[in-house]
């Protein structure tokens, strides 16, 4: 089973609008996701082409996440950083938007980041552990060969922290490979 999953929740709509169930323990178990989530986060990125990432938390405080965009559009990316994985350093990405309602499940052992494709994007995500600053980690956004959808000559808006992350080549991974290689998203 693929470790990273693109989830397409079903929307029920009529003339009033729509309703969607964004999380249901039993439905997610059908996807192979049996995670107990303990923290929800919500971010606003005001400028278009804000790039957040590539982030993770290290063991024993590593986090699984479910990410969705509730306003605007983002290009959401995960990178396999599990040592000895045959797909180490490979990445997959998907556009998440308020319009498409798609969500991305990110297991432990993957770095996560996103680029906003519109101004004023809001992203919410569930985490399987609380934020632990001593276990906060990341790799440089431009050290993996990700095809970020940036216009030629445009630099992303970055936090100070994200300008100082180590490259993938300088990163010593604390994550073990679990036997499930990264696969394309469907």
N, C-alpha and C. Protein backbone atom coordinates (compact mmCIF):
# COMPACT_ATOMS: atom_id res chain seq x y z
N UNK A 1 0.84 -1.18 0.00
CA UNK A 1 0.00 0.00 0.00
C UNK A 1 0.89 1.25 0.00
N UNK A 2 0.52 2.23 -0.80
CA UNK A 2 1.30 3.46 -0.91
C UNK A 2 1.34 4.18 0.43
N UNK A 3 2.52 4.67 0.83
CA UNK A 3 2.61 5.36 2.12
C UNK A 3 1.96 6.74 2.11
N UNK A 4 2.12 7.50 1.03
CA UNK A 4 1.53 8.83 0.90
C UNK A 4 0.24 8.67 0.10
N UNK A 5 -0.82 9.27 0.58
CA UNK A 5 -2.12 9.07 -0.07
C UNK A 5 -2.79 10.41 -0.37
N UNK A 6 -3.29 10.52 -1.60
CA UNK A 6 -4.12 11.65 -1.99
C UNK A 6 -5.56 11.21 -1.79
N UNK A 7 -6.28 11.94 -0.96
CA UNK A 7 -7.64 11.57 -0.58
C UNK A 7 -8.61 12.55 -1.22
N UNK A 8 -9.64 12.00 -1.85
CA UNK A 8 -10.66 12.80 -2.53
C UNK A 8 -11.99 12.65 -1.79
N UNK A 9 -12.22 13.43 -0.72
CA UNK A 9 -13.49 13.31 0.01
C UNK A 9 -14.68 13.61 -0.91
N UNK A 10 -15.75 12.90 -0.69
CA UNK A 10 -16.96 13.08 -1.50
C UNK A 10 -17.75 14.28 -0.98
N UNK A 11 -18.10 15.16 -1.90
CA UNK A 11 -18.93 16.32 -1.57
C UNK A 11 -20.37 16.02 -1.94
N UNK A 12 -21.25 16.38 -1.03
CA UNK A 12 -22.69 16.23 -1.25
C UNK A 12 -23.24 17.63 -1.43
N UNK A 13 -23.72 17.93 -2.63
CA UNK A 13 -24.14 19.29 -2.92
C UNK A 13 -25.57 19.40 -3.39
N UNK A 14 -26.11 20.59 -3.23
CA UNK A 14 -27.41 20.95 -3.77
C UNK A 14 -27.40 22.46 -4.01
N UNK A 15 -28.56 23.04 -4.18
CA UNK A 15 -28.63 24.47 -4.50
C UNK A 15 -28.09 25.36 -3.39
N UNK A 16 -28.02 24.85 -2.16
CA UNK A 16 -27.52 25.64 -1.03
C UNK A 16 -26.00 25.67 -0.96
N UNK A 17 -25.35 24.71 -1.58
CA UNK A 17 -23.90 24.58 -1.48
C UNK A 17 -23.52 23.12 -1.36
N UNK A 18 -22.59 22.80 -0.45
CA UNK A 18 -22.15 21.41 -0.31
C UNK A 18 -21.78 21.09 1.12
N UNK A 19 -21.67 19.80 1.39
CA UNK A 19 -21.24 19.27 2.68
C UNK A 19 -20.20 18.19 2.39
N UNK A 20 -19.14 18.16 3.21
CA UNK A 20 -18.13 17.12 3.05
C UNK A 20 -17.68 16.67 4.43
N UNK A 21 -17.46 15.39 4.55
CA UNK A 21 -16.89 14.82 5.77
C UNK A 21 -15.38 14.77 5.56
N UNK A 22 -14.65 15.64 6.24
CA UNK A 22 -13.21 15.74 6.00
C UNK A 22 -12.40 14.69 6.76
N UNK A 23 -12.97 14.17 7.84
CA UNK A 23 -12.29 13.12 8.58
C UNK A 23 -13.31 12.21 9.24
N UNK A 24 -13.13 10.91 9.05
CA UNK A 24 -13.93 9.89 9.70
C UNK A 24 -12.98 8.73 9.97
N UNK A 25 -12.82 8.36 11.22
CA UNK A 25 -11.86 7.32 11.61
C UNK A 25 -12.05 6.04 10.79
N UNK A 26 -13.29 5.60 10.61
CA UNK A 26 -13.54 4.35 9.89
C UNK A 26 -13.22 4.47 8.40
N UNK A 27 -13.59 5.59 7.79
CA UNK A 27 -13.27 5.80 6.38
C UNK A 27 -11.76 5.85 6.16
N UNK A 28 -11.06 6.54 7.04
CA UNK A 28 -9.61 6.63 6.90
C UNK A 28 -8.95 5.27 7.15
N UNK A 29 -9.52 4.46 8.02
CA UNK A 29 -9.01 3.09 8.24
C UNK A 29 -9.12 2.28 6.95
N UNK A 30 -10.16 2.53 6.14
CA UNK A 30 -10.28 1.85 4.85
C UNK A 30 -9.13 2.22 3.92
N UNK A 31 -8.55 3.40 4.11
CA UNK A 31 -7.37 3.82 3.34
C UNK A 31 -6.08 3.27 3.94
N UNK A 32 -6.18 2.59 5.08
CA UNK A 32 -4.99 2.09 5.77
C UNK A 32 -4.42 3.10 6.75
N UNK A 33 -5.18 4.15 7.08
CA UNK A 33 -4.73 5.20 7.99
C UNK A 33 -5.43 4.98 9.33
N UNK A 34 -4.68 4.50 10.30
CA UNK A 34 -5.23 4.21 11.62
C UNK A 34 -4.60 5.11 12.68
N UNK A 35 -4.34 6.33 12.32
CA UNK A 35 -3.64 7.29 13.16
C UNK A 35 -4.59 7.96 14.14
N UNK A 36 -4.12 8.13 15.37
CA UNK A 36 -4.84 8.94 16.35
C UNK A 36 -4.28 10.36 16.26
N UNK A 37 -5.08 11.30 15.78
CA UNK A 37 -4.64 12.68 15.63
C UNK A 37 -4.89 13.44 16.92
N UNK A 38 -3.90 14.28 17.32
CA UNK A 38 -3.97 14.96 18.61
C UNK A 38 -3.85 16.48 18.51
N UNK A 39 -3.56 17.01 17.33
CA UNK A 39 -3.40 18.46 17.19
C UNK A 39 -3.86 18.88 15.81
N UNK A 40 -4.57 19.99 15.73
CA UNK A 40 -4.95 20.60 14.45
C UNK A 40 -4.22 21.93 14.33
N UNK A 41 -3.72 22.22 13.14
CA UNK A 41 -3.03 23.49 12.85
C UNK A 41 -3.73 24.19 11.70
N UNK A 42 -3.60 25.51 11.66
CA UNK A 42 -4.22 26.33 10.63
C UNK A 42 -3.25 27.46 10.30
N UNK A 43 -2.90 27.59 9.03
CA UNK A 43 -1.98 28.67 8.64
C UNK A 43 -2.61 29.54 7.56
N UNK A 44 -2.21 30.79 7.57
CA UNK A 44 -2.55 31.74 6.51
C UNK A 44 -1.24 32.20 5.89
N UNK A 45 -1.16 32.13 4.59
CA UNK A 45 -0.01 32.65 3.85
C UNK A 45 -0.55 33.76 2.95
N UNK A 46 -0.23 35.00 3.29
CA UNK A 46 -0.81 36.14 2.57
C UNK A 46 -0.22 36.32 1.16
N UNK A 47 1.12 36.37 0.99
CA UNK A 47 1.62 36.59 -0.37
C UNK A 47 1.54 35.33 -1.24
N UNK A 48 1.21 35.53 -2.50
CA UNK A 48 1.30 34.44 -3.47
C UNK A 48 2.77 34.02 -3.55
N UNK A 49 3.00 32.74 -3.78
CA UNK A 49 4.33 32.12 -3.87
C UNK A 49 5.07 32.10 -2.53
N UNK A 50 4.29 32.02 -1.44
CA UNK A 50 4.88 31.71 -0.15
C UNK A 50 5.19 30.23 -0.14
N UNK A 51 6.41 29.88 0.28
CA UNK A 51 6.81 28.49 0.36
C UNK A 51 7.10 28.15 1.81
N UNK A 52 6.41 27.16 2.32
CA UNK A 52 6.62 26.67 3.69
C UNK A 52 7.16 25.25 3.59
N UNK A 53 8.35 25.04 4.12
CA UNK A 53 8.90 23.68 4.11
C UNK A 53 10.32 23.67 3.60
N UNK A 54 10.84 22.54 3.62
CA UNK A 54 10.30 21.18 3.80
C UNK A 54 10.51 20.74 5.25
N UNK A 55 9.44 20.42 5.96
CA UNK A 55 9.50 20.22 7.41
C UNK A 55 9.11 18.80 7.83
N UNK A 56 9.52 18.46 9.05
CA UNK A 56 9.13 17.22 9.71
C UNK A 56 9.49 17.34 11.18
N UNK A 57 9.01 16.39 11.98
CA UNK A 57 9.47 16.23 13.36
C UNK A 57 10.17 14.89 13.45
N UNK A 58 11.29 14.87 14.18
CA UNK A 58 12.08 13.66 14.31
C UNK A 58 11.56 12.76 15.43
N UNK A 59 11.88 11.46 15.33
CA UNK A 59 11.51 10.53 16.41
C UNK A 59 12.16 10.96 17.71
N UNK A 60 11.55 10.71 18.83
CA UNK A 60 10.32 9.96 19.02
C UNK A 60 9.06 10.82 18.93
N UNK A 61 9.16 12.03 18.42
CA UNK A 61 8.01 12.95 18.32
C UNK A 61 7.59 13.16 16.87
N UNK A 62 7.92 12.21 16.00
CA UNK A 62 7.57 12.31 14.58
C UNK A 62 6.05 12.39 14.42
N UNK A 63 5.62 13.01 13.33
CA UNK A 63 4.20 13.25 13.11
C UNK A 63 3.73 12.70 11.76
N UNK A 64 2.55 12.09 11.78
CA UNK A 64 1.79 11.86 10.56
C UNK A 64 0.86 13.05 10.43
N UNK A 65 0.50 13.39 9.18
CA UNK A 65 -0.34 14.58 8.95
C UNK A 65 -1.37 14.30 7.87
N UNK A 66 -2.49 14.99 7.98
CA UNK A 66 -3.46 15.11 6.90
C UNK A 66 -3.59 16.59 6.62
N UNK A 67 -3.31 16.98 5.37
CA UNK A 67 -3.25 18.39 4.99
C UNK A 67 -4.34 18.70 3.97
N UNK A 68 -4.98 19.86 4.15
CA UNK A 68 -5.94 20.32 3.14
C UNK A 68 -5.90 21.85 3.08
N UNK A 69 -6.25 22.37 1.93
CA UNK A 69 -6.31 23.82 1.70
C UNK A 69 -7.77 24.22 1.74
N UNK A 70 -8.10 25.17 2.62
CA UNK A 70 -9.51 25.58 2.75
C UNK A 70 -9.79 26.93 2.10
N UNK A 71 -8.73 27.61 1.65
CA UNK A 71 -8.90 28.88 0.94
C UNK A 71 -7.74 29.04 -0.01
N UNK A 72 -8.03 29.25 -1.30
CA UNK A 72 -6.97 29.39 -2.29
C UNK A 72 -6.52 28.06 -2.86
N UNK A 73 -5.26 28.06 -3.36
CA UNK A 73 -4.67 26.86 -3.98
C UNK A 73 -3.21 26.76 -3.56
N UNK A 74 -2.77 25.52 -3.31
CA UNK A 74 -1.36 25.29 -3.00
C UNK A 74 -0.85 24.11 -3.81
N UNK A 75 0.45 24.09 -4.02
CA UNK A 75 1.13 22.91 -4.55
C UNK A 75 1.78 22.26 -3.34
N UNK A 76 1.26 21.10 -2.94
CA UNK A 76 1.68 20.41 -1.73
C UNK A 76 2.63 19.27 -2.11
N UNK A 77 3.74 19.16 -1.38
CA UNK A 77 4.81 18.23 -1.74
C UNK A 77 5.26 17.43 -0.53
N UNK A 78 5.59 16.16 -0.77
CA UNK A 78 6.24 15.33 0.24
C UNK A 78 7.48 14.70 -0.37
N UNK A 79 8.52 14.56 0.46
CA UNK A 79 9.80 14.00 0.02
C UNK A 79 10.13 12.83 0.94
N UNK A 80 10.50 11.71 0.35
CA UNK A 80 10.90 10.52 1.12
C UNK A 80 12.27 10.78 1.74
N UNK A 81 12.35 10.79 3.07
CA UNK A 81 13.63 10.99 3.76
C UNK A 81 13.93 9.81 4.69
N UNK A 82 13.42 8.62 4.33
CA UNK A 82 13.68 7.41 5.12
C UNK A 82 14.97 6.77 4.63
N UNK A 83 15.96 6.64 5.52
CA UNK A 83 17.24 6.07 5.12
C UNK A 83 17.02 4.66 4.57
N UNK A 84 17.81 4.33 3.57
CA UNK A 84 17.79 3.04 2.87
C UNK A 84 16.52 2.80 2.07
N UNK A 85 15.67 3.78 1.93
CA UNK A 85 14.50 3.64 1.07
C UNK A 85 14.95 3.69 -0.39
N UNK A 86 14.41 2.82 -1.25
CA UNK A 86 14.77 2.90 -2.67
C UNK A 86 14.25 4.18 -3.32
N UNK A 87 13.34 4.90 -2.65
CA UNK A 87 12.82 6.17 -3.18
C UNK A 87 13.30 7.36 -2.35
N UNK A 88 14.40 7.19 -1.60
CA UNK A 88 14.95 8.28 -0.79
C UNK A 88 15.22 9.49 -1.68
N UNK A 89 14.77 10.64 -1.24
CA UNK A 89 14.99 11.89 -1.99
C UNK A 89 14.00 12.11 -3.11
N UNK A 90 13.16 11.15 -3.41
CA UNK A 90 12.13 11.32 -4.44
C UNK A 90 10.95 12.07 -3.82
N UNK A 91 10.16 12.71 -4.65
CA UNK A 91 9.05 13.52 -4.18
C UNK A 91 7.80 13.28 -5.01
N UNK A 92 6.67 13.57 -4.41
CA UNK A 92 5.39 13.62 -5.11
C UNK A 92 4.69 14.91 -4.68
N UNK A 93 3.86 15.42 -5.57
CA UNK A 93 3.14 16.64 -5.25
C UNK A 93 1.76 16.63 -5.86
N UNK A 94 0.88 17.44 -5.30
CA UNK A 94 -0.48 17.57 -5.79
C UNK A 94 -0.99 18.97 -5.50
N UNK A 95 -1.88 19.44 -6.35
CA UNK A 95 -2.54 20.71 -6.07
C UNK A 95 -3.70 20.44 -5.13
N UNK A 96 -3.69 21.13 -4.01
CA UNK A 96 -4.80 21.09 -3.06
C UNK A 96 -5.45 22.47 -3.11
N UNK A 97 -6.77 22.48 -3.12
CA UNK A 97 -7.45 23.78 -3.19
C UNK A 97 -8.77 23.71 -2.44
N UNK A 98 -9.28 24.88 -2.15
CA UNK A 98 -10.61 24.95 -1.55
C UNK A 98 -11.63 24.38 -2.53
N UNK A 99 -11.39 24.58 -3.82
CA UNK A 99 -12.33 24.11 -4.83
C UNK A 99 -12.33 22.59 -4.97
N UNK A 100 -11.13 21.96 -5.03
CA UNK A 100 -11.13 20.50 -5.25
C UNK A 100 -11.32 19.71 -3.96
N UNK A 101 -11.04 20.30 -2.80
CA UNK A 101 -11.27 19.64 -1.53
C UNK A 101 -10.37 18.46 -1.23
N UNK A 102 -9.37 18.22 -2.07
CA UNK A 102 -8.47 17.08 -1.87
C UNK A 102 -7.62 17.26 -0.61
N UNK A 103 -7.19 16.14 -0.06
CA UNK A 103 -6.35 16.12 1.14
C UNK A 103 -5.16 15.21 0.88
N UNK A 104 -4.08 15.46 1.59
CA UNK A 104 -2.88 14.64 1.45
C UNK A 104 -2.51 14.06 2.81
N UNK A 105 -2.36 12.73 2.84
CA UNK A 105 -1.90 12.05 4.05
C UNK A 105 -0.39 11.88 3.94
N UNK A 106 0.32 12.33 4.98
CA UNK A 106 1.79 12.29 5.00
C UNK A 106 2.23 11.45 6.19
N UNK A 107 2.82 10.28 5.92
CA UNK A 107 3.27 9.44 7.03
C UNK A 107 4.61 9.92 7.60
N UNK A 108 4.99 9.31 8.69
CA UNK A 108 6.30 9.57 9.30
C UNK A 108 7.39 9.15 8.31
N UNK A 109 8.44 9.96 8.26
CA UNK A 109 9.56 9.67 7.36
C UNK A 109 9.53 10.44 6.06
N UNK A 110 8.64 11.41 5.99
CA UNK A 110 8.52 12.24 4.79
C UNK A 110 8.56 13.71 5.19
N UNK A 111 9.36 14.49 4.46
CA UNK A 111 9.38 15.94 4.65
C UNK A 111 8.21 16.52 3.87
N UNK A 112 7.64 17.59 4.41
CA UNK A 112 6.44 18.19 3.82
C UNK A 112 6.65 19.68 3.59
N UNK A 113 6.12 20.17 2.48
CA UNK A 113 6.13 21.60 2.21
C UNK A 113 5.07 21.95 1.19
N UNK A 114 4.79 23.24 1.09
CA UNK A 114 3.83 23.68 0.07
C UNK A 114 4.16 25.08 -0.40
N UNK A 115 3.72 25.35 -1.62
CA UNK A 115 3.86 26.66 -2.26
C UNK A 115 2.46 27.19 -2.54
N UNK A 116 2.19 28.43 -2.12
CA UNK A 116 0.88 29.02 -2.39
C UNK A 116 0.83 29.49 -3.84
N UNK A 117 -0.29 29.22 -4.49
CA UNK A 117 -0.46 29.59 -5.89
C UNK A 117 -1.38 30.79 -6.07
N UNK A 118 -1.92 31.28 -4.95
CA UNK A 118 -2.78 32.46 -4.92
C UNK A 118 -2.47 33.22 -3.63
N UNK A 119 -2.85 34.49 -3.57
CA UNK A 119 -2.71 35.20 -2.30
C UNK A 119 -3.71 34.66 -1.27
N UNK A 120 -3.39 34.87 -0.01
CA UNK A 120 -4.30 34.58 1.10
C UNK A 120 -4.77 33.13 1.15
N UNK A 121 -3.83 32.21 1.09
CA UNK A 121 -4.16 30.78 1.19
C UNK A 121 -4.21 30.36 2.65
N UNK A 122 -5.22 29.56 2.97
CA UNK A 122 -5.33 28.98 4.30
C UNK A 122 -5.23 27.47 4.20
N UNK A 123 -4.39 26.91 5.06
CA UNK A 123 -4.13 25.47 5.08
C UNK A 123 -4.39 24.98 6.49
N UNK A 124 -5.08 23.85 6.60
CA UNK A 124 -5.30 23.21 7.89
C UNK A 124 -4.75 21.79 7.82
N UNK A 125 -4.23 21.33 8.95
CA UNK A 125 -3.75 19.96 8.97
C UNK A 125 -3.83 19.37 10.36
N UNK A 126 -4.08 18.08 10.36
CA UNK A 126 -4.15 17.28 11.57
C UNK A 126 -2.79 16.64 11.77
N UNK A 127 -2.35 16.53 13.04
CA UNK A 127 -1.05 15.93 13.36
C UNK A 127 -1.23 14.83 14.41
N UNK A 128 -0.38 13.82 14.31
CA UNK A 128 -0.46 12.68 15.24
C UNK A 128 0.32 12.90 16.53
N UNK A 129 1.07 13.99 16.63
CA UNK A 129 1.75 14.35 17.88
C UNK A 129 1.75 15.86 17.98
N UNK A 130 1.88 16.37 19.19
CA UNK A 130 1.93 17.81 19.38
C UNK A 130 3.28 18.35 18.93
N UNK A 131 3.32 19.65 18.67
CA UNK A 131 4.56 20.29 18.25
C UNK A 131 5.61 20.15 19.35
N UNK A 132 6.79 19.70 18.97
CA UNK A 132 7.91 19.53 19.90
C UNK A 132 9.12 20.25 19.31
N UNK A 133 9.40 21.48 19.74
CA UNK A 133 10.47 22.29 19.14
C UNK A 133 11.82 21.59 19.11
N UNK A 134 12.13 20.77 20.10
CA UNK A 134 13.42 20.07 20.12
C UNK A 134 13.53 19.00 19.05
N UNK A 135 12.41 18.66 18.41
CA UNK A 135 12.39 17.63 17.37
C UNK A 135 12.02 18.21 16.00
N UNK A 136 11.98 19.53 15.92
CA UNK A 136 11.66 20.23 14.68
C UNK A 136 12.82 20.07 13.71
N UNK A 137 12.52 19.67 12.47
CA UNK A 137 13.58 19.50 11.48
C UNK A 137 13.11 19.89 10.10
N UNK A 138 14.06 19.90 9.17
CA UNK A 138 13.72 20.23 7.79
C UNK A 138 14.90 20.08 6.88
N UNK A 139 14.61 20.17 5.60
CA UNK A 139 15.65 20.20 4.56
C UNK A 139 15.34 21.37 3.63
N UNK A 140 16.36 21.83 2.93
CA UNK A 140 16.22 22.99 2.05
C UNK A 140 15.24 22.70 0.92
N UNK A 141 14.35 23.63 0.68
CA UNK A 141 13.29 23.50 -0.32
C UNK A 141 13.83 23.29 -1.72
N UNK A 142 15.04 23.79 -1.98
CA UNK A 142 15.61 23.75 -3.34
C UNK A 142 16.72 22.72 -3.49
N UNK A 143 16.80 21.75 -2.56
CA UNK A 143 17.90 20.78 -2.62
C UNK A 143 17.45 19.40 -3.10
N UNK A 144 16.21 19.29 -3.53
CA UNK A 144 15.66 17.97 -3.88
C UNK A 144 15.33 17.86 -5.36
N UNK A 145 15.27 18.98 -6.09
CA UNK A 145 14.91 18.94 -7.50
C UNK A 145 13.40 18.97 -7.72
N UNK A 146 12.66 19.54 -6.78
CA UNK A 146 11.21 19.64 -6.92
C UNK A 146 10.89 20.66 -8.02
N UNK A 147 9.94 20.30 -8.86
CA UNK A 147 9.49 21.20 -9.93
C UNK A 147 8.43 22.14 -9.37
N UNK A 148 8.87 23.06 -8.50
CA UNK A 148 7.94 24.04 -7.93
C UNK A 148 7.35 24.89 -9.05
N UNK A 149 6.04 25.12 -9.07
CA UNK A 149 5.44 25.92 -10.14
C UNK A 149 5.62 27.43 -9.91
N UNK A 150 6.87 27.84 -9.93
CA UNK A 150 7.21 29.26 -9.79
C UNK A 150 7.48 29.85 -11.17
N UNK A 151 6.95 31.04 -11.46
CA UNK A 151 7.31 31.68 -12.73
C UNK A 151 8.82 31.92 -12.80
N UNK A 152 9.35 31.85 -13.97
CA UNK A 152 10.78 32.08 -14.19
C UNK A 152 11.18 33.41 -13.57
N UNK A 153 12.25 33.38 -12.79
CA UNK A 153 12.77 34.59 -12.15
C UNK A 153 12.08 34.97 -10.86
N UNK A 154 11.09 34.19 -10.42
CA UNK A 154 10.37 34.49 -9.19
C UNK A 154 10.96 33.69 -8.04
N UNK A 155 11.33 34.37 -6.98
CA UNK A 155 11.82 33.69 -5.77
C UNK A 155 10.65 33.54 -4.81
N UNK A 156 10.56 32.40 -4.12
CA UNK A 156 9.46 32.24 -3.17
C UNK A 156 9.67 33.08 -1.92
N UNK A 157 8.56 33.38 -1.24
CA UNK A 157 8.60 34.02 0.08
C UNK A 157 8.94 32.93 1.08
N UNK A 158 10.04 33.09 1.82
CA UNK A 158 10.50 32.08 2.77
C UNK A 158 10.62 32.66 4.17
N UNK A 159 10.44 31.81 5.17
CA UNK A 159 10.73 32.21 6.54
C UNK A 159 12.24 32.20 6.74
N UNK A 160 12.71 32.89 7.76
CA UNK A 160 14.13 32.86 8.09
C UNK A 160 14.58 31.42 8.32
N UNK A 161 13.78 30.65 9.06
CA UNK A 161 14.09 29.24 9.33
C UNK A 161 14.30 28.46 8.04
N UNK A 162 13.44 28.69 7.04
CA UNK A 162 13.53 27.92 5.80
C UNK A 162 14.69 28.33 4.91
N UNK A 163 15.29 29.48 5.17
CA UNK A 163 16.49 29.87 4.41
C UNK A 163 17.74 29.20 4.98
N UNK A 164 17.63 28.55 6.14
CA UNK A 164 18.79 28.00 6.84
C UNK A 164 18.75 26.48 7.01
N UNK A 165 17.83 25.80 6.31
CA UNK A 165 17.73 24.35 6.43
C UNK A 165 18.90 23.68 5.70
N UNK A 166 19.35 22.50 6.17
CA UNK A 166 20.42 21.79 5.46
C UNK A 166 19.91 21.22 4.13
N UNK A 167 20.82 21.00 3.22
CA UNK A 167 20.43 20.36 1.96
C UNK A 167 20.15 18.88 2.22
N UNK A 168 19.47 18.25 1.29
CA UNK A 168 19.22 16.82 1.41
C UNK A 168 20.53 16.05 1.50
N UNK A 169 21.55 16.49 0.75
CA UNK A 169 22.85 15.84 0.76
C UNK A 169 23.57 15.94 2.10
N UNK A 170 23.28 16.98 2.87
CA UNK A 170 23.91 17.16 4.19
C UNK A 170 23.05 16.64 5.33
N UNK A 171 21.91 16.08 5.01
CA UNK A 171 20.95 15.64 6.02
C UNK A 171 21.23 14.19 6.41
N UNK A 172 21.29 13.93 7.72
CA UNK A 172 21.45 12.58 8.25
C UNK A 172 20.09 12.14 8.78
N UNK A 173 19.44 11.24 8.06
CA UNK A 173 18.07 10.88 8.39
C UNK A 173 17.95 10.01 9.63
N UNK A 174 17.03 10.37 10.54
CA UNK A 174 16.73 9.52 11.69
C UNK A 174 15.56 8.56 11.42
N UNK A 175 15.03 8.59 10.18
CA UNK A 175 13.85 7.81 9.84
C UNK A 175 14.25 6.49 9.18
N UNK A 176 13.66 5.40 9.61
CA UNK A 176 13.93 4.08 9.04
C UNK A 176 12.94 3.79 7.92
N UNK A 177 13.40 3.04 6.94
CA UNK A 177 12.54 2.59 5.84
C UNK A 177 11.67 1.45 6.33
N UNK A 178 10.38 1.51 5.98
CA UNK A 178 9.41 0.51 6.45
C UNK A 178 9.00 -0.51 5.41
N UNK A 179 9.66 -0.52 4.26
CA UNK A 179 9.34 -1.50 3.23
C UNK A 179 8.34 -1.03 2.20
N UNK A 180 7.79 0.18 2.34
CA UNK A 180 6.81 0.72 1.39
C UNK A 180 7.42 1.88 0.62
N UNK A 181 7.83 1.66 -0.62
CA UNK A 181 8.42 2.76 -1.39
C UNK A 181 7.38 3.82 -1.74
N UNK A 182 7.85 5.03 -1.96
CA UNK A 182 6.99 6.12 -2.41
C UNK A 182 6.44 5.75 -3.79
N UNK A 183 5.15 6.00 -3.99
CA UNK A 183 4.51 5.72 -5.28
C UNK A 183 3.84 6.99 -5.79
N UNK A 184 3.58 7.04 -7.10
CA UNK A 184 2.87 8.21 -7.63
C UNK A 184 1.49 8.35 -6.98
N UNK A 185 1.03 9.58 -6.88
CA UNK A 185 -0.29 9.84 -6.30
C UNK A 185 -1.37 9.56 -7.34
N UNK A 186 -2.49 9.04 -6.87
CA UNK A 186 -3.62 8.79 -7.79
C UNK A 186 -4.87 9.42 -7.26
